Amino acid sequence: MKRIGVVGIVVTGGREAALEMQRVLSDFADIIVGRMGVPREKVNTIALIVEGEQERISALTGRLGRLENISIKSALTAVEVE
């Protein structure tokens, strides 16, 4: 079953960190249903709404969490969708 959740991302690095993050997000575009970004001078924040299998969402957050200058936090709801 698919679940719905939110992934919060804080990017403290420069352009290279953002490009690496974008590559990962592109690989998981099939589970990202919404995205909102707030650019700032030194820190950028992004909120993702995700819908997918728990394993796929975990794979996304795991890859993001291994990137330098990227901090993430995720929350999955108990709601299951088909």
PDB file of N, CA and C in Angstrom:
ATOM      1  N   MET A   1       0.830  -1.190   0.000  1.00  0.00           N
ATOM      2  CA  MET A   1       0.000   0.000   0.000  1.00  0.00           C
ATOM      3  C   MET A   1       0.871   1.249   0.000  1.00  0.00           C
ATOM      4  N   LYS A   2       0.358   2.272  -0.622  1.00  0.00           N
ATOM      5  CA  LYS A   2       1.044   3.561  -0.641  1.00  0.00           C
ATOM      6  C   LYS A   2       0.668   4.363   0.595  1.00  0.00           C
ATOM      7  N   ARG A   3       1.607   5.185   1.024  1.00  0.00           N
ATOM      8  CA  ARG A   3       1.369   6.086   2.152  1.00  0.00           C
ATOM      9  C   ARG A   3       1.661   7.510   1.726  1.00  0.00           C
ATOM     10  N   ILE A   4       1.110   8.442   2.482  1.00  0.00           N
ATOM     11  CA  ILE A   4       1.312   9.859   2.214  1.00  0.00           C
ATOM     12  C   ILE A   4       2.193  10.433   3.312  1.00  0.00           C
ATOM     13  N   GLY A   5       3.107  11.312   2.937  1.00  0.00           N
ATOM     14  CA  GLY A   5       3.989  11.908   3.932  1.00  0.00           C
ATOM     15  C   GLY A   5       4.559  13.232   3.471  1.00  0.00           C
ATOM     16  N   VAL A   6       5.379  13.789   4.339  1.00  0.00           N
ATOM     17  CA  VAL A   6       6.034  15.070   4.091  1.00  0.00           C
ATOM     18  C   VAL A   6       7.528  14.889   4.333  1.00  0.00           C
ATOM     19  N   VAL A   7       8.326  15.482   3.454  1.00  0.00           N
ATOM     20  CA  VAL A   7       9.779  15.479   3.622  1.00  0.00           C
ATOM     21  C   VAL A   7      10.233  16.933   3.639  1.00  0.00           C
ATOM     22  N   GLY A   8      10.874  17.345   4.729  1.00  0.00           N
ATOM     23  CA  GLY A   8      11.430  18.691   4.843  1.00  0.00           C
ATOM     24  C   GLY A   8      12.915  18.646   4.553  1.00  0.00           C
ATOM     25  N   ILE A   9      13.384  19.558   3.717  1.00  0.00           N
ATOM     26  CA  ILE A   9      14.790  19.580   3.305  1.00  0.00           C
ATOM     27  C   ILE A   9      15.356  20.977   3.564  1.00  0.00           C
ATOM     28  N   VAL A  10      16.536  21.030   4.183  1.00  0.00           N
ATOM     29  CA  VAL A  10      17.253  22.287   4.387  1.00  0.00           C
ATOM     30  C   VAL A  10      18.599  22.152   3.682  1.00  0.00           C
ATOM     31  N   VAL A  11      18.858  23.089   2.766  1.00  0.00           N
ATOM     32  CA  VAL A  11      20.095  23.073   1.988  1.00  0.00           C
ATOM     33  C   VAL A  11      20.969  24.229   2.468  1.00  0.00           C
ATOM     34  N   THR A  12      22.131  23.894   3.053  1.00  0.00           N
ATOM     35  CA  THR A  12      23.042  24.918   3.557  1.00  0.00           C
ATOM     36  C   THR A  12      24.243  25.116   2.642  1.00  0.00           C
ATOM     37  N   GLY A  13      24.427  24.233   1.704  1.00  0.00           N
ATOM     38  CA  GLY A  13      25.550  24.349   0.780  1.00  0.00           C
ATOM     39  C   GLY A  13      25.200  25.249  -0.389  1.00  0.00           C
ATOM     40  N   GLY A  14      26.135  25.416  -1.249  1.00  0.00           N
ATOM     41  CA  GLY A  14      25.946  26.267  -2.425  1.00  0.00           C
ATOM     42  C   GLY A  14      25.269  25.533  -3.565  1.00  0.00           C
ATOM     43  N   ARG A  15      25.589  25.977  -4.747  1.00  0.00           N
ATOM     44  CA  ARG A  15      24.960  25.461  -5.957  1.00  0.00           C
ATOM     45  C   ARG A  15      25.183  23.960  -6.136  1.00  0.00           C
ATOM     46  N   GLU A  16      26.365  23.474  -5.822  1.00  0.00           N
ATOM     47  CA  GLU A  16      26.668  22.047  -6.006  1.00  0.00           C
ATOM     48  C   GLU A  16      25.759  21.167  -5.152  1.00  0.00           C
ATOM     49  N   ALA A  17      25.516  21.567  -3.915  1.00  0.00           N
ATOM     50  CA  ALA A  17      24.613  20.802  -3.050  1.00  0.00           C
ATOM     51  C   ALA A  17      23.208  20.774  -3.634  1.00  0.00           C
ATOM     52  N   ALA A  18      22.765  21.905  -4.148  1.00  0.00           N
ATOM     53  CA  ALA A  18      21.425  21.985  -4.741  1.00  0.00           C
ATOM     54  C   ALA A  18      21.325  21.115  -5.989  1.00  0.00           C
ATOM     55  N   LEU A  19      22.368  21.073  -6.794  1.00  0.00           N
ATOM     56  CA  LEU A  19      22.358  20.243  -8.001  1.00  0.00           C
ATOM     57  C   LEU A  19      22.318  18.759  -7.651  1.00  0.00           C
ATOM     58  N   GLU A  20      23.094  18.357  -6.654  1.00  0.00           N
ATOM     59  CA  GLU A  20      23.075  16.958  -6.220  1.00  0.00           C
ATOM     60  C   GLU A  20      21.690  16.574  -5.699  1.00  0.00           C
ATOM     61  N   MET A  21      21.090  17.465  -4.917  1.00  0.00           N
ATOM     62  CA  MET A  21      19.755  17.209  -4.388  1.00  0.00           C
ATOM     63  C   MET A  21      18.753  17.081  -5.530  1.00  0.00           C
ATOM     64  N   GLN A  22      18.846  17.960  -6.519  1.00  0.00           N
ATOM     65  CA  GLN A  22      17.916  17.927  -7.646  1.00  0.00           C
ATOM     66  C   GLN A  22      18.034  16.624  -8.433  1.00  0.00           C
ATOM     67  N   ARG A  23      19.240  16.096  -8.549  1.00  0.00           N
ATOM     68  CA  ARG A  23      19.427  14.809  -9.236  1.00  0.00           C
ATOM     69  C   ARG A  23      18.675  13.707  -8.512  1.00  0.00           C
ATOM     70  N   VAL A  24      18.771  13.697  -7.193  1.00  0.00           N
ATOM     71  CA  VAL A  24      18.065  12.683  -6.405  1.00  0.00           C
ATOM     72  C   VAL A  24      16.558  12.865  -6.547  1.00  0.00           C
ATOM     73  N   LEU A  25      16.080  14.103  -6.431  1.00  0.00           N
ATOM     74  CA  LEU A  25      14.649  14.348  -6.551  1.00  0.00           C
ATOM     75  C   LEU A  25      14.128  13.913  -7.923  1.00  0.00           C
ATOM     76  N   SER A  26      14.902  14.106  -8.959  1.00  0.00           N
ATOM     77  CA  SER A  26      14.495  13.676 -10.296  1.00  0.00           C
ATOM     78  C   SER A  26      14.356  12.158 -10.374  1.00  0.00           C
ATOM     79  N   ASP A  27      15.250  11.447  -9.687  1.00  0.00           N
ATOM     80  CA  ASP A  27      15.177   9.982  -9.668  1.00  0.00           C
ATOM     81  C   ASP A  27      13.912   9.479  -8.976  1.00  0.00           C
ATOM     82  N   PHE A  28      13.335  10.287  -8.096  1.00  0.00           N
ATOM     83  CA  PHE A  28      12.156   9.885  -7.331  1.00  0.00           C
ATOM     84  C   PHE A  28      10.924  10.718  -7.690  1.00  0.00           C
ATOM     85  N   ALA A  29      10.923  11.291  -8.884  1.00  0.00           N
ATOM     86  CA  ALA A  29       9.817  12.156  -9.310  1.00  0.00           C
ATOM     87  C   ALA A  29       8.470  11.436  -9.289  1.00  0.00           C
ATOM     88  N   ASP A  30       8.484  10.114  -9.437  1.00  0.00           N
ATOM     89  CA  ASP A  30       7.239   9.354  -9.472  1.00  0.00           C
ATOM     90  C   ASP A  30       6.494   9.342  -8.139  1.00  0.00           C
ATOM     91  N   ILE A  31       7.169   9.633  -7.031  1.00  0.00           N
ATOM     92  CA  ILE A  31       6.480   9.642  -5.734  1.00  0.00           C
ATOM     93  C   ILE A  31       6.298  11.042  -5.163  1.00  0.00           C
ATOM     94  N   ILE A  32       6.827  12.060  -5.840  1.00  0.00           N
ATOM     95  CA  ILE A  32       6.690  13.447  -5.377  1.00  0.00           C
ATOM     96  C   ILE A  32       5.438  14.035  -6.023  1.00  0.00           C
ATOM     97  N   VAL A  33       4.450  14.377  -5.188  1.00  0.00           N
ATOM     98  CA  VAL A  33       3.203  14.930  -5.728  1.00  0.00           C
ATOM     99  C   VAL A  33       3.098  16.434  -5.521  1.00  0.00           C
ATOM    100  N   GLY A  34       3.955  16.999  -4.694  1.00  0.00           N
ATOM    101  CA  GLY A  34       3.955  18.435  -4.468  1.00  0.00           C
ATOM    102  C   GLY A  34       5.303  18.882  -3.946  1.00  0.00           C
ATOM    103  N   ARG A  35       5.654  20.130  -4.278  1.00  0.00           N
ATOM    104  CA  ARG A  35       6.951  20.660  -3.851  1.00  0.00           C
ATOM    105  C   ARG A  35       6.830  22.163  -3.679  1.00  0.00           C
ATOM    106  N   MET A  36       7.336  22.653  -2.542  1.00  0.00           N
ATOM    107  CA  MET A  36       7.349  24.088  -2.285  1.00  0.00           C
ATOM    108  C   MET A  36       8.735  24.454  -1.771  1.00  0.00           C
ATOM    109  N   GLY A  37       9.329  25.459  -2.349  1.00  0.00           N
ATOM    110  CA  GLY A  37      10.649  25.886  -1.926  1.00  0.00           C
ATOM    111  C   GLY A  37      10.646  27.334  -1.477  1.00  0.00           C
ATOM    112  N   VAL A  38      11.491  27.617  -0.490  1.00  0.00           N
ATOM    113  CA  VAL A  38      11.647  28.980   0.010  1.00  0.00           C
ATOM    114  C   VAL A  38      13.142  29.315  -0.059  1.00  0.00           C
ATOM    115  N   PRO A  39      13.538  30.068  -1.090  1.00  0.00           N
ATOM    116  CA  PRO A  39      14.951  30.429  -1.206  1.00  0.00           C
ATOM    117  C   PRO A  39      15.316  31.532  -0.222  1.00  0.00           C
ATOM    118  N   ARG A  40      16.471  31.385   0.382  1.00  0.00           N
ATOM    119  CA  ARG A  40      17.005  32.395   1.296  1.00  0.00           C
ATOM    120  C   ARG A  40      18.445  32.664   0.891  1.00  0.00           C
ATOM    121  N   GLU A  41      19.048  33.650   1.510  1.00  0.00           N
ATOM    122  CA  GLU A  41      20.408  34.019   1.131  1.00  0.00           C
ATOM    123  C   GLU A  41      21.419  32.905   1.422  1.00  0.00           C
ATOM    124  N   LYS A  42      21.351  32.322   2.612  1.00  0.00           N
ATOM    125  CA  LYS A  42      22.334  31.308   2.996  1.00  0.00           C
ATOM    126  C   LYS A  42      21.741  29.920   3.191  1.00  0.00           C
ATOM    127  N   VAL A  43      20.441  29.840   3.420  1.00  0.00           N
ATOM    128  CA  VAL A  43      19.782  28.563   3.675  1.00  0.00           C
ATOM    129  C   VAL A  43      18.507  28.495   2.846  1.00  0.00           C
ATOM    130  N   ASN A  44      18.341  27.401   2.122  1.00  0.00           N
ATOM    131  CA  ASN A  44      17.132  27.186   1.340  1.00  0.00           C
ATOM    132  C   ASN A  44      16.341  26.043   1.955  1.00  0.00           C
ATOM    133  N   THR A  45      15.032  26.163   1.952  1.00  0.00           N
ATOM    134  CA  THR A  45      14.186  25.106   2.493  1.00  0.00           C
ATOM    135  C   THR A  45      13.204  24.638   1.426  1.00  0.00           C
ATOM    136  N   ILE A  46      12.930  23.344   1.465  1.00  0.00           N
ATOM    137  CA  ILE A  46      12.009  22.727   0.517  1.00  0.00           C
ATOM    138  C   ILE A  46      11.121  21.768   1.295  1.00  0.00           C
ATOM    139  N   ALA A  47       9.841  21.790   0.970  1.00  0.00           N
ATOM    140  CA  ALA A  47       8.895  20.831   1.534  1.00  0.00           C
ATOM    141  C   ALA A  47       8.349  19.984   0.393  1.00  0.00           C
ATOM    142  N   LEU A  48       8.415  18.675   0.554  1.00  0.00           N
ATOM    143  CA  LEU A  48       7.887  17.754  -0.445  1.00  0.00           C
ATOM    144  C   LEU A  48       6.684  17.013   0.133  1.00  0.00           C
ATOM    145  N   ILE A  49       5.659  16.847  -0.674  1.00  0.00           N
ATOM    146  CA  ILE A  49       4.569  15.942  -0.342  1.00  0.00           C
ATOM    147  C   ILE A  49       4.832  14.689  -1.171  1.00  0.00           C
ATOM    148  N   VAL A  50       4.904  13.560  -0.500  1.00  0.00           N
ATOM    149  CA  VAL A  50       5.217  12.311  -1.189  1.00  0.00           C
ATOM    150  C   VAL A  50       4.086  11.305  -1.008  1.00  0.00           C
ATOM    151  N   GLU A  51       3.932  10.458  -2.001  1.00  0.00           N
ATOM    152  CA  GLU A  51       2.950   9.377  -1.951  1.00  0.00           C
ATOM    153  C   GLU A  51       3.565   8.167  -2.631  1.00  0.00           C
ATOM    154  N   GLY A  52       3.755   7.108  -1.869  1.00  0.00           N
ATOM    155  CA  GLY A  52       4.362   5.913  -2.451  1.00  0.00           C
ATOM    156  C   GLY A  52       4.522   4.819  -1.408  1.00  0.00           C
ATOM    157  N   GLU A  53       5.117   3.733  -1.850  1.00  0.00           N
ATOM    158  CA  GLU A  53       5.420   2.631  -0.942  1.00  0.00           C
ATOM    159  C   GLU A  53       6.422   3.122   0.099  1.00  0.00           C
ATOM    160  N   GLN A  54       6.285   2.641   1.306  1.00  0.00           N
ATOM    161  CA  GLN A  54       7.158   3.084   2.389  1.00  0.00           C
ATOM    162  C   GLN A  54       8.630   2.848   2.052  1.00  0.00           C
ATOM    163  N   GLU A  55       8.926   1.747   1.399  1.00  0.00           N
ATOM    164  CA  GLU A  55      10.318   1.438   1.040  1.00  0.00           C
ATOM    165  C   GLU A  55      10.868   2.461   0.058  1.00  0.00           C
ATOM    166  N   ARG A  56      10.039   2.903  -0.873  1.00  0.00           N
ATOM    167  CA  ARG A  56      10.482   3.885  -1.876  1.00  0.00           C
ATOM    168  C   ARG A  56      10.708   5.251  -1.232  1.00  0.00           C
ATOM    169  N   ILE A  57       9.824   5.636  -0.326  1.00  0.00           N
ATOM    170  CA  ILE A  57       9.992   6.901   0.391  1.00  0.00           C
ATOM    171  C   ILE A  57      11.257   6.854   1.243  1.00  0.00           C
ATOM    172  N   SER A  58      11.493   5.722   1.886  1.00  0.00           N
ATOM    173  CA  SER A  58      12.708   5.557   2.689  1.00  0.00           C
ATOM    174  C   SER A  58      13.964   5.627   1.822  1.00  0.00           C
ATOM    175  N   ALA A  59      13.883   5.093   0.621  1.00  0.00           N
ATOM    176  CA  ALA A  59      15.031   5.161  -0.291  1.00  0.00           C
ATOM    177  C   ALA A  59      15.330   6.613  -0.661  1.00  0.00           C
ATOM    178  N   LEU A  60      14.289   7.401  -0.905  1.00  0.00           N
ATOM    179  CA  LEU A  60      14.466   8.823  -1.204  1.00  0.00           C
ATOM    180  C   LEU A  60      15.129   9.538  -0.036  1.00  0.00           C
ATOM    181  N   THR A  61      14.585   9.387   1.154  1.00  0.00           N
ATOM    182  CA  THR A  61      15.138  10.098   2.309  1.00  0.00           C
ATOM    183  C   THR A  61      16.538   9.609   2.646  1.00  0.00           C
ATOM    184  N   GLY A  62      16.801   8.336   2.427  1.00  0.00           N
ATOM    185  CA  GLY A  62      18.140   7.805   2.675  1.00  0.00           C
ATOM    186  C   GLY A  62      19.176   8.422   1.753  1.00  0.00           C
ATOM    187  N   ARG A  63      18.848   8.523   0.477  1.00  0.00           N
ATOM    188  CA  ARG A  63      19.789   9.129  -0.475  1.00  0.00           C
ATOM    189  C   ARG A  63      19.995  10.604  -0.189  1.00  0.00           C
ATOM    190  N   LEU A  64      18.908  11.307   0.143  1.00  0.00           N
ATOM    191  CA  LEU A  64      19.049  12.728   0.481  1.00  0.00           C
ATOM    192  C   LEU A  64      19.889  12.906   1.739  1.00  0.00           C
ATOM    193  N   GLY A  65      19.685  12.048   2.716  1.00  0.00           N
ATOM    194  CA  GLY A  65      20.400  12.156   3.985  1.00  0.00           C
ATOM    195  C   GLY A  65      21.896  11.933   3.877  1.00  0.00           C
ATOM    196  N   ARG A  66      22.335  11.265   2.829  1.00  0.00           N
ATOM    197  CA  ARG A  66      23.763  11.016   2.632  1.00  0.00           C
ATOM    198  C   ARG A  66      24.478  12.170   1.932  1.00  0.00           C
ATOM    199  N   LEU A  67      23.721  13.150   1.432  1.00  0.00           N
ATOM    200  CA  LEU A  67      24.344  14.278   0.735  1.00  0.00           C
ATOM    201  C   LEU A  67      24.907  15.291   1.730  1.00  0.00           C
ATOM    202  N   GLU A  68      26.066  15.864   1.386  1.00  0.00           N
ATOM    203  CA  GLU A  68      26.661  16.897   2.229  1.00  0.00           C
ATOM    204  C   GLU A  68      25.856  18.183   2.127  1.00  0.00           C
ATOM    205  N   ASN A  69      25.788  18.918   3.222  1.00  0.00           N
ATOM    206  CA  ASN A  69      25.108  20.213   3.302  1.00  0.00           C
ATOM    207  C   ASN A  69      23.603  20.129   3.083  1.00  0.00           C
ATOM    208  N   ILE A  70      23.039  18.947   3.275  1.00  0.00           N
ATOM    209  CA  ILE A  70      21.593  18.740   3.156  1.00  0.00           C
ATOM    210  C   ILE A  70      21.121  18.088   4.455  1.00  0.00           C
ATOM    211  N   SER A  71      20.114  18.692   5.077  1.00  0.00           N
ATOM    212  CA  SER A  71      19.494  18.101   6.270  1.00  0.00           C
ATOM    213  C   SER A  71      18.049  17.785   5.925  1.00  0.00           C
ATOM    214  N   ILE A  72      17.575  16.632   6.364  1.00  0.00           N
ATOM    215  CA  ILE A  72      16.198  16.268   6.057  1.00  0.00           C
ATOM    216  C   ILE A  72      15.489  15.728   7.291  1.00  0.00           C
ATOM    217  N   LYS A  73      14.186  15.828   7.227  1.00  0.00           N
ATOM    218  CA  LYS A  73      13.316  15.231   8.249  1.00  0.00           C
ATOM    219  C   LYS A  73      12.065  14.800   7.515  1.00  0.00           C
ATOM    220  N   SER A  74      11.571  13.607   7.815  1.00  0.00           N
ATOM    221  CA  SER A  74      10.376  13.135   7.138  1.00  0.00           C
ATOM    222  C   SER A  74       9.347  12.657   8.147  1.00  0.00           C
ATOM    223  N   ALA A  75       8.108  12.700   7.719  1.00  0.00           N
ATOM    224  CA  ALA A  75       7.000  12.207   8.542  1.00  0.00           C
ATOM    225  C   ALA A  75       6.008  11.524   7.615  1.00  0.00           C
ATOM    226  N   LEU A  76       5.722  10.256   7.902  1.00  0.00           N
ATOM    227  CA  LEU A  76       4.731   9.523   7.128  1.00  0.00           C
ATOM    228  C   LEU A  76       3.460   9.405   7.953  1.00  0.00           C
ATOM    229  N   THR A  77       2.336   9.570   7.292  1.00  0.00           N
ATOM    230  CA  THR A  77       1.069   9.405   7.985  1.00  0.00           C
ATOM    231  C   THR A  77       0.692   7.929   8.016  1.00  0.00           C
ATOM    232  N   ALA A  78      -0.279   7.604   8.829  1.00  0.00           N
ATOM    233  CA  ALA A  78      -0.794   6.241   8.881  1.00  0.00           C
ATOM    234  C   ALA A  78      -1.811   5.994   7.772  1.00  0.00           C
ATOM    235  N   VAL A  79      -2.129   7.032   7.009  1.00  0.00           N
ATOM    236  CA  VAL A  79      -3.112   6.930   5.930  1.00  0.00           C
ATOM    237  C   VAL A  79      -2.520   6.108   4.788  1.00  0.00           C
ATOM    238  N   GLU A  80      -3.269   5.095   4.362  1.00  0.00           N
ATOM    239  CA  GLU A  80      -2.859   4.289   3.222  1.00  0.00           C
ATOM    240  C   GLU A  80      -3.790   4.576   2.066  1.00  0.00           C
ATOM    241  N   VAL A  81      -3.218   4.732   0.865  1.00  0.00           N
ATOM    242  CA  VAL A  81      -3.993   5.004  -0.340  1.00  0.00           C
ATOM    243  C   VAL A  81      -3.682   3.927  -1.368  1.00  0.00           C
ATOM    244  N   GLU A  82      -4.572   3.780  -2.310  1.00  0.00           N
ATOM    245  CA  GLU A  82      -4.355   2.771  -3.363  1.00  0.00           C
ATOM    246  C   GLU A  82      -3.685   3.366  -4.553  1.00  0.00           C
TER     247      GLU A  82
END
